[in-house]
């Protein structure tokens, strides 16, 4: 996936999370199985803390279900 700097800029503007942090999280996911629930929960918690946005147990479960069942849109750039 080739993400442009403008994508990272929009994410940073909305979340105050720097590109380097996003890249580090992506590397963590790359090194692990994207279907691994434990890894996904860890990443969700890290993102929640970084952005100051609380993620309920129900929201977390929905996110994990979407990722595990390949229901995540392919074009993330359009989501931001």
N, C-alpha and C. Protein backbone atom coordinates (compact mmCIF):
# COMPACT_ATOMS: atom_id res chain seq x y z
N UNK A 1 0.85 -1.17 0.00
CA UNK A 1 0.00 0.00 0.00
C UNK A 1 0.90 1.23 0.00
N UNK A 2 0.73 2.10 -0.95
CA UNK A 2 1.52 3.31 -1.07
C UNK A 2 0.67 4.49 -0.64
N UNK A 3 0.92 4.98 0.56
CA UNK A 3 0.15 6.10 1.07
C UNK A 3 0.93 7.39 0.88
N UNK A 4 0.25 8.37 0.38
CA UNK A 4 0.91 9.65 0.10
C UNK A 4 1.08 10.48 1.37
N UNK A 5 1.98 11.45 1.28
CA UNK A 5 2.20 12.35 2.41
C UNK A 5 0.94 13.15 2.72
N UNK A 6 0.12 13.43 1.70
CA UNK A 6 -1.11 14.18 1.95
C UNK A 6 -2.06 13.37 2.82
N UNK A 7 -2.08 12.06 2.65
CA UNK A 7 -2.89 11.19 3.50
C UNK A 7 -2.45 11.33 4.95
N UNK A 8 -1.13 11.20 5.18
CA UNK A 8 -0.60 11.30 6.53
C UNK A 8 -0.86 12.68 7.12
N UNK A 9 -0.77 13.70 6.31
CA UNK A 9 -1.02 15.07 6.77
C UNK A 9 -2.47 15.21 7.23
N UNK A 10 -3.40 14.65 6.46
CA UNK A 10 -4.82 14.73 6.86
C UNK A 10 -5.07 13.96 8.15
N UNK A 11 -4.45 12.80 8.28
CA UNK A 11 -4.60 12.01 9.50
C UNK A 11 -4.03 12.79 10.68
N UNK A 12 -2.84 13.35 10.50
CA UNK A 12 -2.21 14.10 11.58
C UNK A 12 -3.06 15.32 11.97
N UNK A 13 -3.60 16.01 10.98
CA UNK A 13 -4.44 17.18 11.27
C UNK A 13 -5.68 16.80 12.07
N UNK A 14 -6.24 15.65 11.78
CA UNK A 14 -7.47 15.23 12.46
C UNK A 14 -7.21 14.59 13.81
N UNK A 15 -6.06 13.93 13.96
CA UNK A 15 -5.83 13.12 15.16
C UNK A 15 -4.66 13.57 16.02
N UNK A 16 -3.80 14.44 15.49
CA UNK A 16 -2.56 14.84 16.17
C UNK A 16 -1.60 13.67 16.35
N UNK A 17 -1.75 12.63 15.54
CA UNK A 17 -0.84 11.48 15.56
C UNK A 17 0.12 11.63 14.39
N UNK A 18 1.39 11.63 14.69
CA UNK A 18 2.42 11.86 13.67
C UNK A 18 2.59 10.65 12.75
N UNK A 19 3.10 10.93 11.56
CA UNK A 19 3.34 9.90 10.55
C UNK A 19 4.23 8.80 11.11
N UNK A 20 5.26 9.16 11.84
CA UNK A 20 6.19 8.16 12.38
C UNK A 20 5.48 7.19 13.33
N UNK A 21 4.53 7.70 14.09
CA UNK A 21 3.76 6.86 15.00
C UNK A 21 2.88 5.89 14.22
N UNK A 22 2.26 6.40 13.16
CA UNK A 22 1.42 5.56 12.31
C UNK A 22 2.26 4.46 11.67
N UNK A 23 3.42 4.84 11.17
CA UNK A 23 4.31 3.87 10.52
C UNK A 23 4.75 2.81 11.52
N UNK A 24 5.07 3.22 12.74
CA UNK A 24 5.48 2.25 13.76
C UNK A 24 4.35 1.27 14.10
N UNK A 25 3.13 1.78 14.18
CA UNK A 25 1.99 0.89 14.43
C UNK A 25 1.78 -0.07 13.26
N UNK A 26 1.95 0.45 12.05
CA UNK A 26 1.80 -0.40 10.87
C UNK A 26 2.84 -1.52 10.87
N UNK A 27 4.06 -1.19 11.28
CA UNK A 27 5.11 -2.20 11.36
C UNK A 27 4.76 -3.27 12.39
N UNK A 28 4.14 -2.85 13.48
CA UNK A 28 3.73 -3.80 14.51
C UNK A 28 2.70 -4.77 13.93
N UNK A 29 1.78 -4.23 13.16
CA UNK A 29 0.76 -5.08 12.55
C UNK A 29 1.36 -5.97 11.47
N UNK A 30 2.34 -5.45 10.74
CA UNK A 30 2.98 -6.24 9.69
C UNK A 30 3.69 -7.44 10.29
N UNK A 31 4.32 -7.22 11.42
CA UNK A 31 5.08 -8.29 12.06
C UNK A 31 4.20 -9.35 12.69
N UNK A 32 2.94 -9.04 12.85
CA UNK A 32 1.98 -9.97 13.45
C UNK A 32 0.89 -10.27 12.44
N UNK A 33 0.10 -11.23 12.76
CA UNK A 33 -1.03 -11.59 11.92
C UNK A 33 -2.15 -10.58 12.10
N UNK A 34 -2.64 -10.00 10.99
CA UNK A 34 -3.73 -9.03 11.06
C UNK A 34 -5.01 -9.67 11.59
N UNK A 35 -5.06 -10.95 11.66
CA UNK A 35 -6.24 -11.65 12.15
C UNK A 35 -6.10 -11.98 13.64
N UNK A 36 -4.96 -11.58 14.23
CA UNK A 36 -4.70 -11.88 15.64
C UNK A 36 -5.45 -10.87 16.52
N UNK A 37 -6.45 -11.35 17.21
CA UNK A 37 -7.31 -10.48 18.01
C UNK A 37 -6.52 -9.73 19.09
N UNK A 38 -5.58 -10.39 19.71
CA UNK A 38 -4.79 -9.76 20.78
C UNK A 38 -4.01 -8.56 20.23
N UNK A 39 -3.35 -8.75 19.10
CA UNK A 39 -2.58 -7.68 18.47
C UNK A 39 -3.50 -6.52 18.08
N UNK A 40 -4.64 -6.84 17.49
CA UNK A 40 -5.58 -5.80 17.09
C UNK A 40 -6.08 -5.00 18.30
N UNK A 41 -6.38 -5.68 19.38
CA UNK A 41 -6.83 -4.97 20.60
C UNK A 41 -5.73 -4.05 21.13
N UNK A 42 -4.48 -4.53 21.10
CA UNK A 42 -3.36 -3.70 21.56
C UNK A 42 -3.25 -2.43 20.71
N UNK A 43 -3.35 -2.58 19.41
CA UNK A 43 -3.24 -1.44 18.50
C UNK A 43 -4.40 -0.47 18.72
N UNK A 44 -5.61 -1.00 18.89
CA UNK A 44 -6.77 -0.14 19.15
C UNK A 44 -6.57 0.65 20.44
N UNK A 45 -6.07 -0.01 21.48
CA UNK A 45 -5.82 0.67 22.76
C UNK A 45 -4.76 1.76 22.60
N UNK A 46 -3.69 1.45 21.88
CA UNK A 46 -2.63 2.44 21.65
C UNK A 46 -3.17 3.65 20.91
N UNK A 47 -3.94 3.40 19.85
CA UNK A 47 -4.53 4.49 19.08
C UNK A 47 -5.49 5.31 19.93
N UNK A 48 -6.26 4.65 20.74
CA UNK A 48 -7.21 5.32 21.62
C UNK A 48 -6.48 6.27 22.58
N UNK A 49 -5.40 5.79 23.16
CA UNK A 49 -4.62 6.61 24.08
C UNK A 49 -3.97 7.78 23.37
N UNK A 50 -3.42 7.54 22.18
CA UNK A 50 -2.74 8.59 21.43
C UNK A 50 -3.68 9.70 21.02
N UNK A 51 -4.87 9.33 20.62
CA UNK A 51 -5.82 10.32 20.10
C UNK A 51 -6.72 10.90 21.17
N UNK A 52 -6.72 10.29 22.35
CA UNK A 52 -7.59 10.77 23.41
C UNK A 52 -9.06 10.43 23.16
N UNK A 53 -9.29 9.49 22.26
CA UNK A 53 -10.66 9.07 21.92
C UNK A 53 -10.93 7.73 22.60
N UNK A 54 -11.97 7.69 23.40
CA UNK A 54 -12.32 6.45 24.07
C UNK A 54 -13.02 5.51 23.10
N UNK A 55 -12.64 4.24 23.16
CA UNK A 55 -13.25 3.21 22.32
C UNK A 55 -13.94 2.23 23.26
N UNK A 56 -15.26 2.13 23.14
CA UNK A 56 -16.01 1.22 24.00
C UNK A 56 -15.70 -0.23 23.62
N UNK A 57 -16.04 -1.14 24.50
CA UNK A 57 -15.85 -2.56 24.24
C UNK A 57 -16.64 -2.96 22.98
N UNK A 58 -17.84 -2.41 22.84
CA UNK A 58 -18.67 -2.71 21.67
C UNK A 58 -18.02 -2.21 20.38
N UNK A 59 -17.48 -1.00 20.40
CA UNK A 59 -16.80 -0.45 19.23
C UNK A 59 -15.57 -1.28 18.89
N UNK A 60 -14.81 -1.63 19.92
CA UNK A 60 -13.61 -2.43 19.73
C UNK A 60 -13.96 -3.77 19.08
N UNK A 61 -15.01 -4.41 19.58
CA UNK A 61 -15.45 -5.68 19.01
C UNK A 61 -15.85 -5.53 17.55
N UNK A 62 -16.54 -4.44 17.21
CA UNK A 62 -16.96 -4.20 15.83
C UNK A 62 -15.74 -3.99 14.93
N UNK A 63 -14.75 -3.25 15.40
CA UNK A 63 -13.53 -3.02 14.62
C UNK A 63 -12.82 -4.34 14.36
N UNK A 64 -12.66 -5.13 15.40
CA UNK A 64 -11.96 -6.41 15.27
C UNK A 64 -12.73 -7.33 14.33
N UNK A 65 -14.05 -7.37 14.45
CA UNK A 65 -14.87 -8.19 13.57
C UNK A 65 -14.68 -7.77 12.11
N UNK A 66 -14.66 -6.46 11.87
CA UNK A 66 -14.49 -5.96 10.50
C UNK A 66 -13.13 -6.36 9.93
N UNK A 67 -12.08 -6.23 10.73
CA UNK A 67 -10.73 -6.57 10.26
C UNK A 67 -10.60 -8.07 10.03
N UNK A 68 -11.03 -8.85 10.98
CA UNK A 68 -10.89 -10.31 10.90
C UNK A 68 -11.69 -10.87 9.72
N UNK A 69 -12.84 -10.26 9.44
CA UNK A 69 -13.70 -10.76 8.37
C UNK A 69 -13.53 -9.99 7.06
N UNK A 70 -12.41 -9.28 6.93
CA UNK A 70 -12.06 -8.55 5.70
C UNK A 70 -13.16 -7.59 5.25
N UNK A 71 -13.73 -6.86 6.19
CA UNK A 71 -14.79 -5.90 5.86
C UNK A 71 -14.28 -4.46 5.93
N UNK A 72 -12.97 -4.28 5.89
CA UNK A 72 -12.37 -2.94 5.93
C UNK A 72 -12.22 -2.46 4.49
N UNK A 73 -12.64 -1.23 4.21
CA UNK A 73 -12.51 -0.71 2.83
C UNK A 73 -11.05 -0.71 2.37
N UNK A 74 -10.84 -1.00 1.10
CA UNK A 74 -9.49 -1.02 0.55
C UNK A 74 -8.90 0.36 0.39
N UNK A 75 -9.72 1.36 0.16
CA UNK A 75 -9.23 2.71 -0.09
C UNK A 75 -9.39 3.57 1.15
N UNK A 76 -8.45 3.44 2.09
CA UNK A 76 -8.51 4.19 3.33
C UNK A 76 -8.40 5.69 3.11
N UNK A 77 -7.76 6.09 2.02
CA UNK A 77 -7.56 7.50 1.73
C UNK A 77 -8.90 8.23 1.62
N UNK A 78 -9.91 7.57 1.13
CA UNK A 78 -11.24 8.20 0.97
C UNK A 78 -11.97 8.32 2.31
N UNK A 79 -11.54 7.58 3.31
CA UNK A 79 -12.20 7.62 4.61
C UNK A 79 -11.77 8.84 5.43
N UNK A 80 -10.63 9.41 5.11
CA UNK A 80 -10.10 10.52 5.90
C UNK A 80 -10.49 11.85 5.29
